[in-house]
C-alpha atoms as a PDB file:
ATOM      1  CA  MET A   1      -5.430  19.542   3.995  1.00  0.00           C
ATOM      2  CA  GLY A   2      -5.694  16.337   5.619  1.00  0.00           C
ATOM      3  CA  ARG A   3      -3.626  15.035   8.052  1.00  0.00           C
ATOM      4  CA  ALA A   4      -2.383  11.003   7.679  1.00  0.00           C
ATOM      5  CA  VAL A   5      -2.539   8.973  10.468  1.00  0.00           C
ATOM      6  CA  SER A   6      -1.925   5.500   9.101  1.00  0.00           C
ATOM      7  CA  CYS A   7       1.803   6.015  10.187  1.00  0.00           C
ATOM      8  CA  TRP A   8       0.633   7.371  13.684  1.00  0.00           C
ATOM      9  CA  SER A   9       4.434   7.244  15.245  1.00  0.00           C
ATOM     10  CA  GLY A  10       5.177   9.667  12.482  1.00  0.00           C
ATOM     11  CA  ALA A  11       5.439  12.989  15.172  1.00  0.00           C
ATOM     12  CA  VAL A  12       7.531  10.707  17.515  1.00  0.00           C
ATOM     13  CA  PHE A  13       9.961   9.839  15.351  1.00  0.00           C
ATOM     14  CA  LEU A  14      10.165  13.357  14.344  1.00  0.00           C
ATOM     15  CA  ALA A  15      10.684  14.552  17.691  1.00  0.00           C
ATOM     16  CA  ALA A  16      13.054  11.579  18.277  1.00  0.00           C
ATOM     17  CA  ALA A  17      15.407  12.120  15.515  1.00  0.00           C
ATOM     18  CA  ALA A  18      15.651  15.920  15.936  1.00  0.00           C
ATOM     19  CA  PHE A  19      17.200  15.398  19.425  1.00  0.00           C
ATOM     20  CA  GLY A  20      19.290  12.706  18.380  1.00  0.00           C
ATOM     21  CA  GLN A  21      17.409   9.993  20.459  1.00  0.00           C
ATOM     22  CA  PRO A  22      16.538   6.486  19.592  1.00  0.00           C
ATOM     23  CA  VAL A  23      13.027   5.956  17.635  1.00  0.00           C
ATOM     24  CA  PRO A  24      10.703   3.881  19.919  1.00  0.00           C
ATOM     25  CA  ALA A  25       8.750   1.504  18.001  1.00  0.00           C
ATOM     26  CA  PRO A  26       5.198   1.641  17.561  1.00  0.00           C
ATOM     27  CA  ALA A  27       3.432  -0.042  20.145  1.00  0.00           C
ATOM     28  CA  THR A  28       1.885  -3.319  18.980  1.00  0.00           C
ATOM     29  CA  PHE A  29       0.061  -6.795  20.417  1.00  0.00           C
ATOM     30  CA  ASP A  30       2.469  -9.735  20.730  1.00  0.00           C
ATOM     31  CA  VAL A  31      -0.639 -12.073  19.534  1.00  0.00           C
ATOM     32  CA  ALA A  32      -3.940 -11.350  17.763  1.00  0.00           C
ATOM     33  CA  SER A  33      -6.738 -13.369  16.642  1.00  0.00           C
ATOM     34  CA  ILE A  34      -9.333 -11.719  14.062  1.00  0.00           C
ATOM     35  CA  ARG A  35     -12.372 -14.179  13.298  1.00  0.00           C
ATOM     36  CA  ALA A  36     -15.434 -13.679  11.725  1.00  0.00           C
ATOM     37  CA  ALA A  37     -17.954 -13.211  14.488  1.00  0.00           C
ATOM     38  CA  GLN A  38     -19.502 -16.217  16.268  1.00  0.00           C
ATOM     39  CA  THR A  39     -22.572 -14.520  17.705  1.00  0.00           C
ATOM     40  CA  PRO A  40     -25.507 -15.932  15.223  1.00  0.00           C
ATOM     41  CA  GLN A  41     -26.677 -13.166  12.842  1.00  0.00           C
ATOM     42  CA  GLY A  42     -30.019 -12.268  11.889  1.00  0.00           C
ATOM     43  CA  PRO A  43     -32.833  -9.991  12.973  1.00  0.00           C
ATOM     44  CA  GLY A  44     -32.795  -9.131  16.632  1.00  0.00           C
ATOM     45  CA  LEU A  45     -30.872  -7.322  19.709  1.00  0.00           C
ATOM     46  CA  THR A  46     -28.439 -10.338  19.983  1.00  0.00           C
ATOM     47  CA  ALA A  47     -27.083 -10.105  16.532  1.00  0.00           C
ATOM     48  CA  LEU A  48     -26.631  -6.353  16.941  1.00  0.00           C
ATOM     49  CA  ARG A  49     -24.984  -6.620  20.241  1.00  0.00           C
ATOM     50  CA  GLU A  50     -21.151  -5.646  20.516  1.00  0.00           C
ATOM     51  CA  THR A  51     -18.574  -5.884  23.530  1.00  0.00           C
ATOM     52  CA  ILE A  52     -15.592  -4.269  24.090  1.00  0.00           C
ATOM     53  CA  GLU A  53     -13.209  -5.741  27.152  1.00  0.00           C
ATOM     54  CA  PRO A  54     -10.362  -3.853  27.413  1.00  0.00           C
ATOM     55  CA  ALA A  55      -7.571  -5.115  30.361  1.00  0.00           C
ATOM     56  CA  ALA A  56      -4.538  -4.828  31.218  1.00  0.00           C
ATOM     57  CA  GLY A  57      -2.447  -5.581  28.189  1.00  0.00           C
ATOM     58  CA  SER A  58      -5.324  -7.297  26.503  1.00  0.00           C
ATOM     59  CA  LEU A  59      -8.334  -6.242  24.270  1.00  0.00           C
ATOM     60  CA  THR A  60     -11.215  -8.503  23.709  1.00  0.00           C
ATOM     61  CA  MET A  61     -14.077  -7.353  21.446  1.00  0.00           C
ATOM     62  CA  ARG A  62     -17.120  -9.246  20.125  1.00  0.00           C
ATOM     63  CA  ASN A  63     -19.305  -9.387  17.316  1.00  0.00           C
ATOM     64  CA  VAL A  64     -17.822  -5.760  16.280  1.00  0.00           C
ATOM     65  CA  THR A  65     -17.706  -4.047  13.204  1.00  0.00           C
ATOM     66  CA  LEU A  66     -15.200  -2.805  11.802  1.00  0.00           C
ATOM     67  CA  ALA A  67     -16.612   0.434  11.643  1.00  0.00           C
ATOM     68  CA  THR A  68     -16.755   0.246  15.470  1.00  0.00           C
ATOM     69  CA  CYS A  69     -13.085  -1.392  15.618  1.00  0.00           C
ATOM     70  CA  ILE A  70     -12.081   1.861  13.860  1.00  0.00           C
ATOM     71  CA  ARG A  71     -14.046   4.024  16.235  1.00  0.00           C
ATOM     72  CA  TRP A  72     -12.637   3.000  19.559  1.00  0.00           C
ATOM     73  CA  ALA A  73      -9.061   2.760  18.334  1.00  0.00           C
ATOM     74  CA  TYR A  74      -9.015   6.418  17.286  1.00  0.00           C
ATOM     75  CA  ASN A  75     -11.295   7.460  20.197  1.00  0.00           C
ATOM     76  CA  LEU A  76     -14.186   8.780  17.685  1.00  0.00           C
ATOM     77  CA  LYS A  77     -17.761   9.503  17.527  1.00  0.00           C
ATOM     78  CA  VAL A  78     -20.170   7.784  15.438  1.00  0.00           C
ATOM     79  CA  TYR A  79     -20.103  10.783  13.044  1.00  0.00           C
ATOM     80  CA  GLU A  80     -16.305  11.570  12.967  1.00  0.00           C
ATOM     81  CA  LEU A  81     -15.612   8.590  10.803  1.00  0.00           C
ATOM     82  CA  SER A  82     -15.911   9.009   7.126  1.00  0.00           C
ATOM     83  CA  GLY A  83     -15.377   5.661   5.114  1.00  0.00           C
ATOM     84  CA  PRO A  84     -17.902   3.111   2.855  1.00  0.00           C
ATOM     85  CA  PRO A  85     -20.777   1.984   4.255  1.00  0.00           C
ATOM     86  CA  TRP A  86     -19.983  -2.070   4.289  1.00  0.00           C
ATOM     87  CA  LEU A  87     -17.842  -0.851   7.026  1.00  0.00           C
ATOM     88  CA  ALA A  88     -20.848  -1.462   9.549  1.00  0.00           C
ATOM     89  CA  ASP A  89     -21.605  -4.560   7.318  1.00  0.00           C
ATOM     90  CA  GLU A  90     -19.134  -7.260   8.582  1.00  0.00           C
ATOM     91  CA  ARG A  91     -18.771  -8.365  12.007  1.00  0.00           C
ATOM     92  CA  PHE A  92     -15.595  -9.860  14.121  1.00  0.00           C
ATOM     93  CA  ASP A  93     -14.154 -11.502  17.003  1.00  0.00           C
ATOM     94  CA  ILE A  94     -10.844  -9.930  17.910  1.00  0.00           C
ATOM     95  CA  ALA A  95      -8.602 -11.068  20.717  1.00  0.00           C
ATOM     96  CA  ALA A  96      -5.377  -9.594  21.385  1.00  0.00           C
ATOM     97  CA  LYS A  97      -2.560  -9.511  23.992  1.00  0.00           C
ATOM     98  CA  ALA A  98       0.373  -7.896  24.507  1.00  0.00           C
ATOM     99  CA  ALA A  99       3.548  -9.182  25.615  1.00  0.00           C
ATOM    100  CA  ALA A 100       3.520  -7.407  29.147  1.00  0.00           C
ATOM    101  CA  PRO A 101       0.971  -5.000  30.660  1.00  0.00           C
ATOM    102  CA  VAL A 102       0.326  -1.829  29.387  1.00  0.00           C
ATOM    103  CA  ALA A 103      -1.894   1.310  30.420  1.00  0.00           C
ATOM    104  CA  PRO A 104      -5.429   1.055  29.301  1.00  0.00           C
ATOM    105  CA  ASP A 105      -4.870   4.260  26.970  1.00  0.00           C
ATOM    106  CA  GLN A 106      -2.350   2.589  25.109  1.00  0.00           C
ATOM    107  CA  LEU A 107      -4.480  -0.160  23.878  1.00  0.00           C
ATOM    108  CA  ARG A 108      -6.133   2.304  21.279  1.00  0.00           C
ATOM    109  CA  PRO A 109      -2.788   3.310  19.479  1.00  0.00           C
ATOM    110  CA  MET A 110      -2.162  -0.772  19.414  1.00  0.00           C
ATOM    111  CA  LEU A 111      -5.666  -1.466  18.003  1.00  0.00           C
ATOM    112  CA  GLN A 112      -4.788   1.001  15.328  1.00  0.00           C
ATOM    113  CA  ALA A 113      -1.359  -0.673  14.547  1.00  0.00           C
ATOM    114  CA  LEU A 114      -3.386  -3.948  14.323  1.00  0.00           C
ATOM    115  CA  LEU A 115      -5.954  -2.468  11.940  1.00  0.00           C
ATOM    116  CA  ALA A 116      -3.407  -1.237   9.484  1.00  0.00           C
ATOM    117  CA  ASP A 117      -1.352  -4.400   9.524  1.00  0.00           C
ATOM    118  CA  ARG A 118      -4.327  -7.020   9.463  1.00  0.00           C
ATOM    119  CA  PHE A 119      -6.536  -4.797   7.210  1.00  0.00           C
ATOM    120  CA  HIS A 120      -4.435  -2.368   5.521  1.00  0.00           C
ATOM    121  CA  LEU A 121      -6.115   0.617   7.239  1.00  0.00           C
ATOM    122  CA  ALA A 122      -5.010   3.719   5.990  1.00  0.00           C
ATOM    123  CA  ALA A 123      -6.649   7.405   6.943  1.00  0.00           C
ATOM    124  CA  HIS A 124      -6.418  10.814   7.507  1.00  0.00           C
ATOM    125  CA  ARG A 125      -8.145  13.753   9.264  1.00  0.00           C
ATOM    126  CA  GLN A 126      -9.697  16.090   7.693  1.00  0.00           C
ATOM    127  CA  THR A 127     -12.205  18.680   8.961  1.00  0.00           C
ATOM    128  CA  LYS A 128     -15.556  18.611   7.218  1.00  0.00           C
ATOM    129  CA  GLU A 129     -18.735  20.936   7.184  1.00  0.00           C
ATOM    130  CA  LEU A 130     -21.558  18.574   8.784  1.00  0.00           C
ATOM    131  CA  PRO A 131     -25.172  18.766   9.646  1.00  0.00           C
ATOM    132  CA  ALA A 132     -25.353  19.579  13.650  1.00  0.00           C
ATOM    133  CA  TYR A 133     -27.623  20.593  16.069  1.00  0.00           C
ATOM    134  CA  ALA A 134     -27.280  23.414  18.867  1.00  0.00           C
ATOM    135  CA  LEU A 135     -28.648  22.804  22.325  1.00  0.00           C
ATOM    136  CA  VAL A 136     -29.858  26.403  23.148  1.00  0.00           C
ATOM    137  CA  VAL A 137     -32.241  27.918  25.509  1.00  0.00           C
ATOM    138  CA  GLY A 138     -36.175  27.598  24.799  1.00  0.00           C
ATOM    139  CA  LYS A 139     -38.046  30.655  23.749  1.00  0.00           C
ATOM    140  CA  ASN A 140     -39.699  30.382  27.327  1.00  0.00           C
ATOM    141  CA  GLY A 141     -36.452  30.040  29.281  1.00  0.00           C
ATOM    142  CA  THR A 142     -35.009  27.175  30.808  1.00  0.00           C
ATOM    143  CA  LYS A 143     -36.645  24.819  33.458  1.00  0.00           C
ATOM    144  CA  LEU A 144     -33.021  23.937  34.962  1.00  0.00           C
ATOM    145  CA  HIS A 145     -31.889  25.055  38.179  1.00  0.00           C
ATOM    146  CA  PRO A 146     -28.298  25.127  39.074  1.00  0.00           C
ATOM    147  CA  ALA A 147     -27.725  22.001  41.493  1.00  0.00           C
ATOM    148  CA  GLU A 148     -26.767  22.966  45.196  1.00  0.00           C
ATOM    149  CA  GLY A 149     -23.859  21.889  47.171  1.00  0.00           C
ATOM    150  CA  ALA A 150     -20.349  20.401  46.741  1.00  0.00           C
ATOM    151  CA  GLY A 151     -19.159  17.205  45.718  1.00  0.00           C
ATOM    152  CA  ALA A 152     -18.748  15.041  42.601  1.00  0.00           C
ATOM    153  CA  GLY A 153     -21.100  14.789  39.998  1.00  0.00           C
ATOM    154  CA  SER A 154     -22.384  11.741  38.312  1.00  0.00           C
ATOM    155  CA  MET A 155     -24.351  10.841  35.314  1.00  0.00           C
ATOM    156  CA  THR A 156     -26.511   8.054  34.930  1.00  0.00           C
ATOM    157  CA  GLY A 157     -28.960   6.414  32.420  1.00  0.00           C
ATOM    158  CA  ALA A 158     -30.969   3.212  31.387  1.00  0.00           C
ATOM    159  CA  ALA A 159     -32.489   2.695  27.472  1.00  0.00           C
ATOM    160  CA  LEU A 160     -33.959   6.303  27.079  1.00  0.00           C
ATOM    161  CA  VAL A 161     -33.645   7.668  30.285  1.00  0.00           C
ATOM    162  CA  PHE A 162     -30.982  10.140  30.925  1.00  0.00           C
ATOM    163  CA  GLN A 163     -30.136  11.668  34.698  1.00  0.00           C
ATOM    164  CA  GLY A 164     -27.157  14.058  35.852  1.00  0.00           C
ATOM    165  CA  HIS A 165     -26.195  15.015  38.774  1.00  0.00           C
ATOM    166  CA  LYS A 166     -23.934  18.241  38.899  1.00  0.00           C
ATOM    167  CA  MET A 167     -23.191  18.036  35.388  1.00  0.00           C
ATOM    168  CA  PRO A 168     -22.406  20.742  33.291  1.00  0.00           C
ATOM    169  CA  LEU A 169     -24.715  21.163  30.431  1.00  0.00           C
ATOM    170  CA  SER A 170     -21.596  19.851  27.812  1.00  0.00           C
ATOM    171  CA  ARG A 171     -22.049  16.643  29.280  1.00  0.00           C
ATOM    172  CA  LEU A 172     -25.791  16.510  28.217  1.00  0.00           C
ATOM    173  CA  ALA A 173     -25.017  17.456  24.751  1.00  0.00           C
ATOM    174  CA  GLU A 174     -22.139  14.794  24.805  1.00  0.00           C
ATOM    175  CA  ILE A 175     -25.188  12.442  25.415  1.00  0.00           C
ATOM    176  CA  LEU A 176     -27.583  13.870  23.179  1.00  0.00           C
ATOM    177  CA  SER A 177     -24.953  13.304  20.549  1.00  0.00           C
ATOM    178  CA  SER A 178     -23.903   9.740  21.569  1.00  0.00           C
ATOM    179  CA  ALA A 179     -27.786   9.040  21.514  1.00  0.00           C
ATOM    180  CA  LEU A 180     -28.876  10.805  18.177  1.00  0.00           C
ATOM    181  CA  LYS A 181     -25.717   9.727  16.606  1.00  0.00           C
ATOM    182  CA  VAL A 182     -25.285  13.505  15.279  1.00  0.00           C
ATOM    183  CA  PRO A 183     -22.978  16.302  16.715  1.00  0.00           C
ATOM    184  CA  VAL A 184     -24.782  18.149  19.434  1.00  0.00           C
ATOM    185  CA  LEU A 185     -22.968  21.500  20.249  1.00  0.00           C
ATOM    186  CA  GLU A 186     -23.780  23.123  23.489  1.00  0.00           C
ATOM    187  CA  MET A 187     -24.769  26.804  23.111  1.00  0.00           C
ATOM    188  CA  THR A 188     -26.875  27.327  25.938  1.00  0.00           C
ATOM    189  CA  GLY A 189     -24.842  30.046  27.502  1.00  0.00           C
ATOM    190  CA  LEU A 190     -25.585  28.270  30.624  1.00  0.00           C
ATOM    191  CA  GLU A 191     -22.461  27.821  33.294  1.00  0.00           C
ATOM    192  CA  GLY A 192     -22.246  25.722  36.198  1.00  0.00           C
ATOM    193  CA  HIS A 193     -23.792  22.603  36.870  1.00  0.00           C
ATOM    194  CA  TYR A 194     -27.141  21.116  36.999  1.00  0.00           C
ATOM    195  CA  ASP A 195     -29.692  18.263  38.188  1.00  0.00           C
ATOM    196  CA  PHE A 196     -31.627  16.886  35.514  1.00  0.00           C
ATOM    197  CA  VAL A 197     -33.480  14.218  33.960  1.00  0.00           C
ATOM    198  CA  LEU A 198     -34.524  13.611  30.564  1.00  0.00           C
ATOM    199  CA  ASP A 199     -37.012  10.524  30.053  1.00  0.00           C
ATOM    200  CA  LEU A 200     -37.659  10.052  26.528  1.00  0.00           C
ATOM    201  CA  ARG A 201     -40.072   6.913  27.191  1.00  0.00           C
ATOM    202  CA  PRO A 202     -43.489   8.970  27.619  1.00  0.00           C
ATOM    203  CA  TYR A 203     -43.151  10.396  24.265  1.00  0.00           C
ATOM    204  CA  ILE A 204     -43.050   6.407  22.540  1.00  0.00           C
ATOM    205  CA  LEU A 205     -45.496   4.657  25.053  1.00  0.00           C
ATOM    206  CA  GLN A 206     -48.294   7.283  23.879  1.00  0.00           C
ATOM    207  CA  ARG A 207     -47.983   6.416  20.429  1.00  0.00           C
ATOM    208  CA  GLN A 208     -50.597   5.144  18.427  1.00  0.00           C
ATOM    209  CA  PRO A 209     -51.071   2.595  15.656  1.00  0.00           C
ATOM    210  CA  GLY A 210     -50.738   4.078  12.370  1.00  0.00           C
ATOM    211  CA  ASP A 211     -48.471   6.715  13.514  1.00  0.00           C
ATOM    212  CA  PRO A 212     -45.256   7.598  11.420  1.00  0.00           C
ATOM    213  CA  PRO A 213     -42.187   5.451  12.148  1.00  0.00           C
ATOM    214  CA  LEU A 214     -40.597   6.293  15.503  1.00  0.00           C
ATOM    215  CA  ASP A 215     -38.214   9.480  15.049  1.00  0.00           C
ATOM    216  CA  LEU A 216     -35.877   9.870  18.104  1.00  0.00           C
ATOM    217  CA  LEU A 217     -34.552  12.883  17.223  1.00  0.00           C
ATOM    218  CA  SER A 218     -38.161  14.456  17.088  1.00  0.00           C
ATOM    219  CA  ILE A 219     -39.152  12.796  20.493  1.00  0.00           C
ATOM    220  CA  ALA A 220     -35.787  14.449  21.929  1.00  0.00           C
ATOM    221  CA  ILE A 221     -36.590  17.894  20.712  1.00  0.00           C
ATOM    222  CA  THR A 222     -40.165  17.629  22.214  1.00  0.00           C
ATOM    223  CA  ALA A 223     -38.973  16.079  25.509  1.00  0.00           C
ATOM    224  CA  LEU A 224     -36.184  18.895  26.056  1.00  0.00           C
ATOM    225  CA  GLN A 225     -38.485  21.383  25.482  1.00  0.00           C
ATOM    226  CA  ASP A 226     -41.229  20.064  27.987  1.00  0.00           C
ATOM    227  CA  GLU A 227     -38.582  18.574  30.731  1.00  0.00           C
ATOM    228  CA  LEU A 228     -35.985  21.004  30.386  1.00  0.00           C
ATOM    229  CA  GLY A 229     -36.928  24.261  28.316  1.00  0.00           C
ATOM    230  CA  LEU A 230     -34.043  23.516  26.115  1.00  0.00           C
ATOM    231  CA  LYS A 231     -34.065  23.355  22.098  1.00  0.00           C
ATOM    232  CA  LEU A 232     -32.004  21.633  19.227  1.00  0.00           C
ATOM    233  CA  GLU A 233     -31.520  24.086  16.553  1.00  0.00           C
ATOM    234  CA  SER A 234     -30.265  22.881  12.971  1.00  0.00           C
ATOM    235  CA  ARG A 235     -26.807  23.972  12.366  1.00  0.00           C
ATOM    236  CA  LYS A 236     -23.905  23.468  10.234  1.00  0.00           C
ATOM    237  CA  ALA A 237     -20.448  23.036  12.071  1.00  0.00           C
ATOM    238  CA  ASP A 238     -16.987  22.264  10.874  1.00  0.00           C
ATOM    239  CA  LEU A 239     -15.838  19.313  12.479  1.00  0.00           C
ATOM    240  CA  GLU A 240     -12.398  17.538  12.102  1.00  0.00           C
ATOM    241  CA  VAL A 241     -13.132  13.351  11.074  1.00  0.00           C
ATOM    242  CA  LEU A 242     -11.029  10.628  10.233  1.00  0.00           C
ATOM    243  CA  VAL A 243     -11.677   9.822   6.361  1.00  0.00           C
ATOM    244  CA  VAL A 244     -10.562   5.971   5.464  1.00  0.00           C
ATOM    245  CA  ASP A 245      -8.599   6.156   2.401  1.00  0.00           C
ATOM    246  CA  ARG A 246      -8.091   2.424   2.082  1.00  0.00           C
ATOM    247  CA  VAL A 247      -9.075  -0.429   4.101  1.00  0.00           C
ATOM    248  CA  GLU A 248      -9.700  -4.340   3.533  1.00  0.00           C
ATOM    249  CA  LYS A 249     -12.814  -6.196   3.999  1.00  0.00           C
ATOM    250  CA  THR A 250     -11.136  -9.169   5.143  1.00  0.00           C
ATOM    251  CA  PRO A 251      -8.305  -9.608   7.329  1.00  0.00           C
ATOM    252  CA  THR A 252      -4.891 -11.211   6.370  1.00  0.00           C
ATOM    253  CA  GLU A 253      -4.413 -14.773   8.238  1.00  0.00           C
ATOM    254  CA  ASN A 254      -3.941 -14.918  11.705  1.00  0.00           C
END
């Protein structure tokens, strides 16, 4: 059974009522403007670029789709949102400000409330079986070596290069999931922390005219095997997703 989230403060209400305490009002922005995106639309990276700038008590979003807004509000990965395809069509500029500074993590529920108010968003959480990939050790064994020494780890990436320093492989699975836009489950059985570099550029640069269309998943599978001795296996996984029940294409007036 799905779990409704259109009234995200329901649990708080019940807990407060049980102890006879005043029920806190849902956190909301004091002022908010939602307008059609001012970024010129059309082919090219400029039209696709989205920016999200959270600050102490304010949130600025430029050229964002409604899908991006919902994912940010509920802290979702791409595959964790289920809704109509048009959620990725129209783009908006959003400027919202609280009456006083708030903690950064409070901005997400405040955006949830704004989306419910202005787009009449209603949704529920539900477990669904989704296509996924398991990150496992290749048949010839891993090429990874445990990181040495103490200290904090780090993760860097630029375009098609991902470099980890003293990182658990669960972090690599998260990066692959984000880049490939599919669930990637860490199932290598390798514990500890590792240094690794995954560079997809050579597999793209060596392509010849007439080759099939670029398939980032196939390239990642090849690079993982060649460079790290890991592979991706197709699986099915039961994962929780946010299902959109109702949402308007056009927000109410500012």
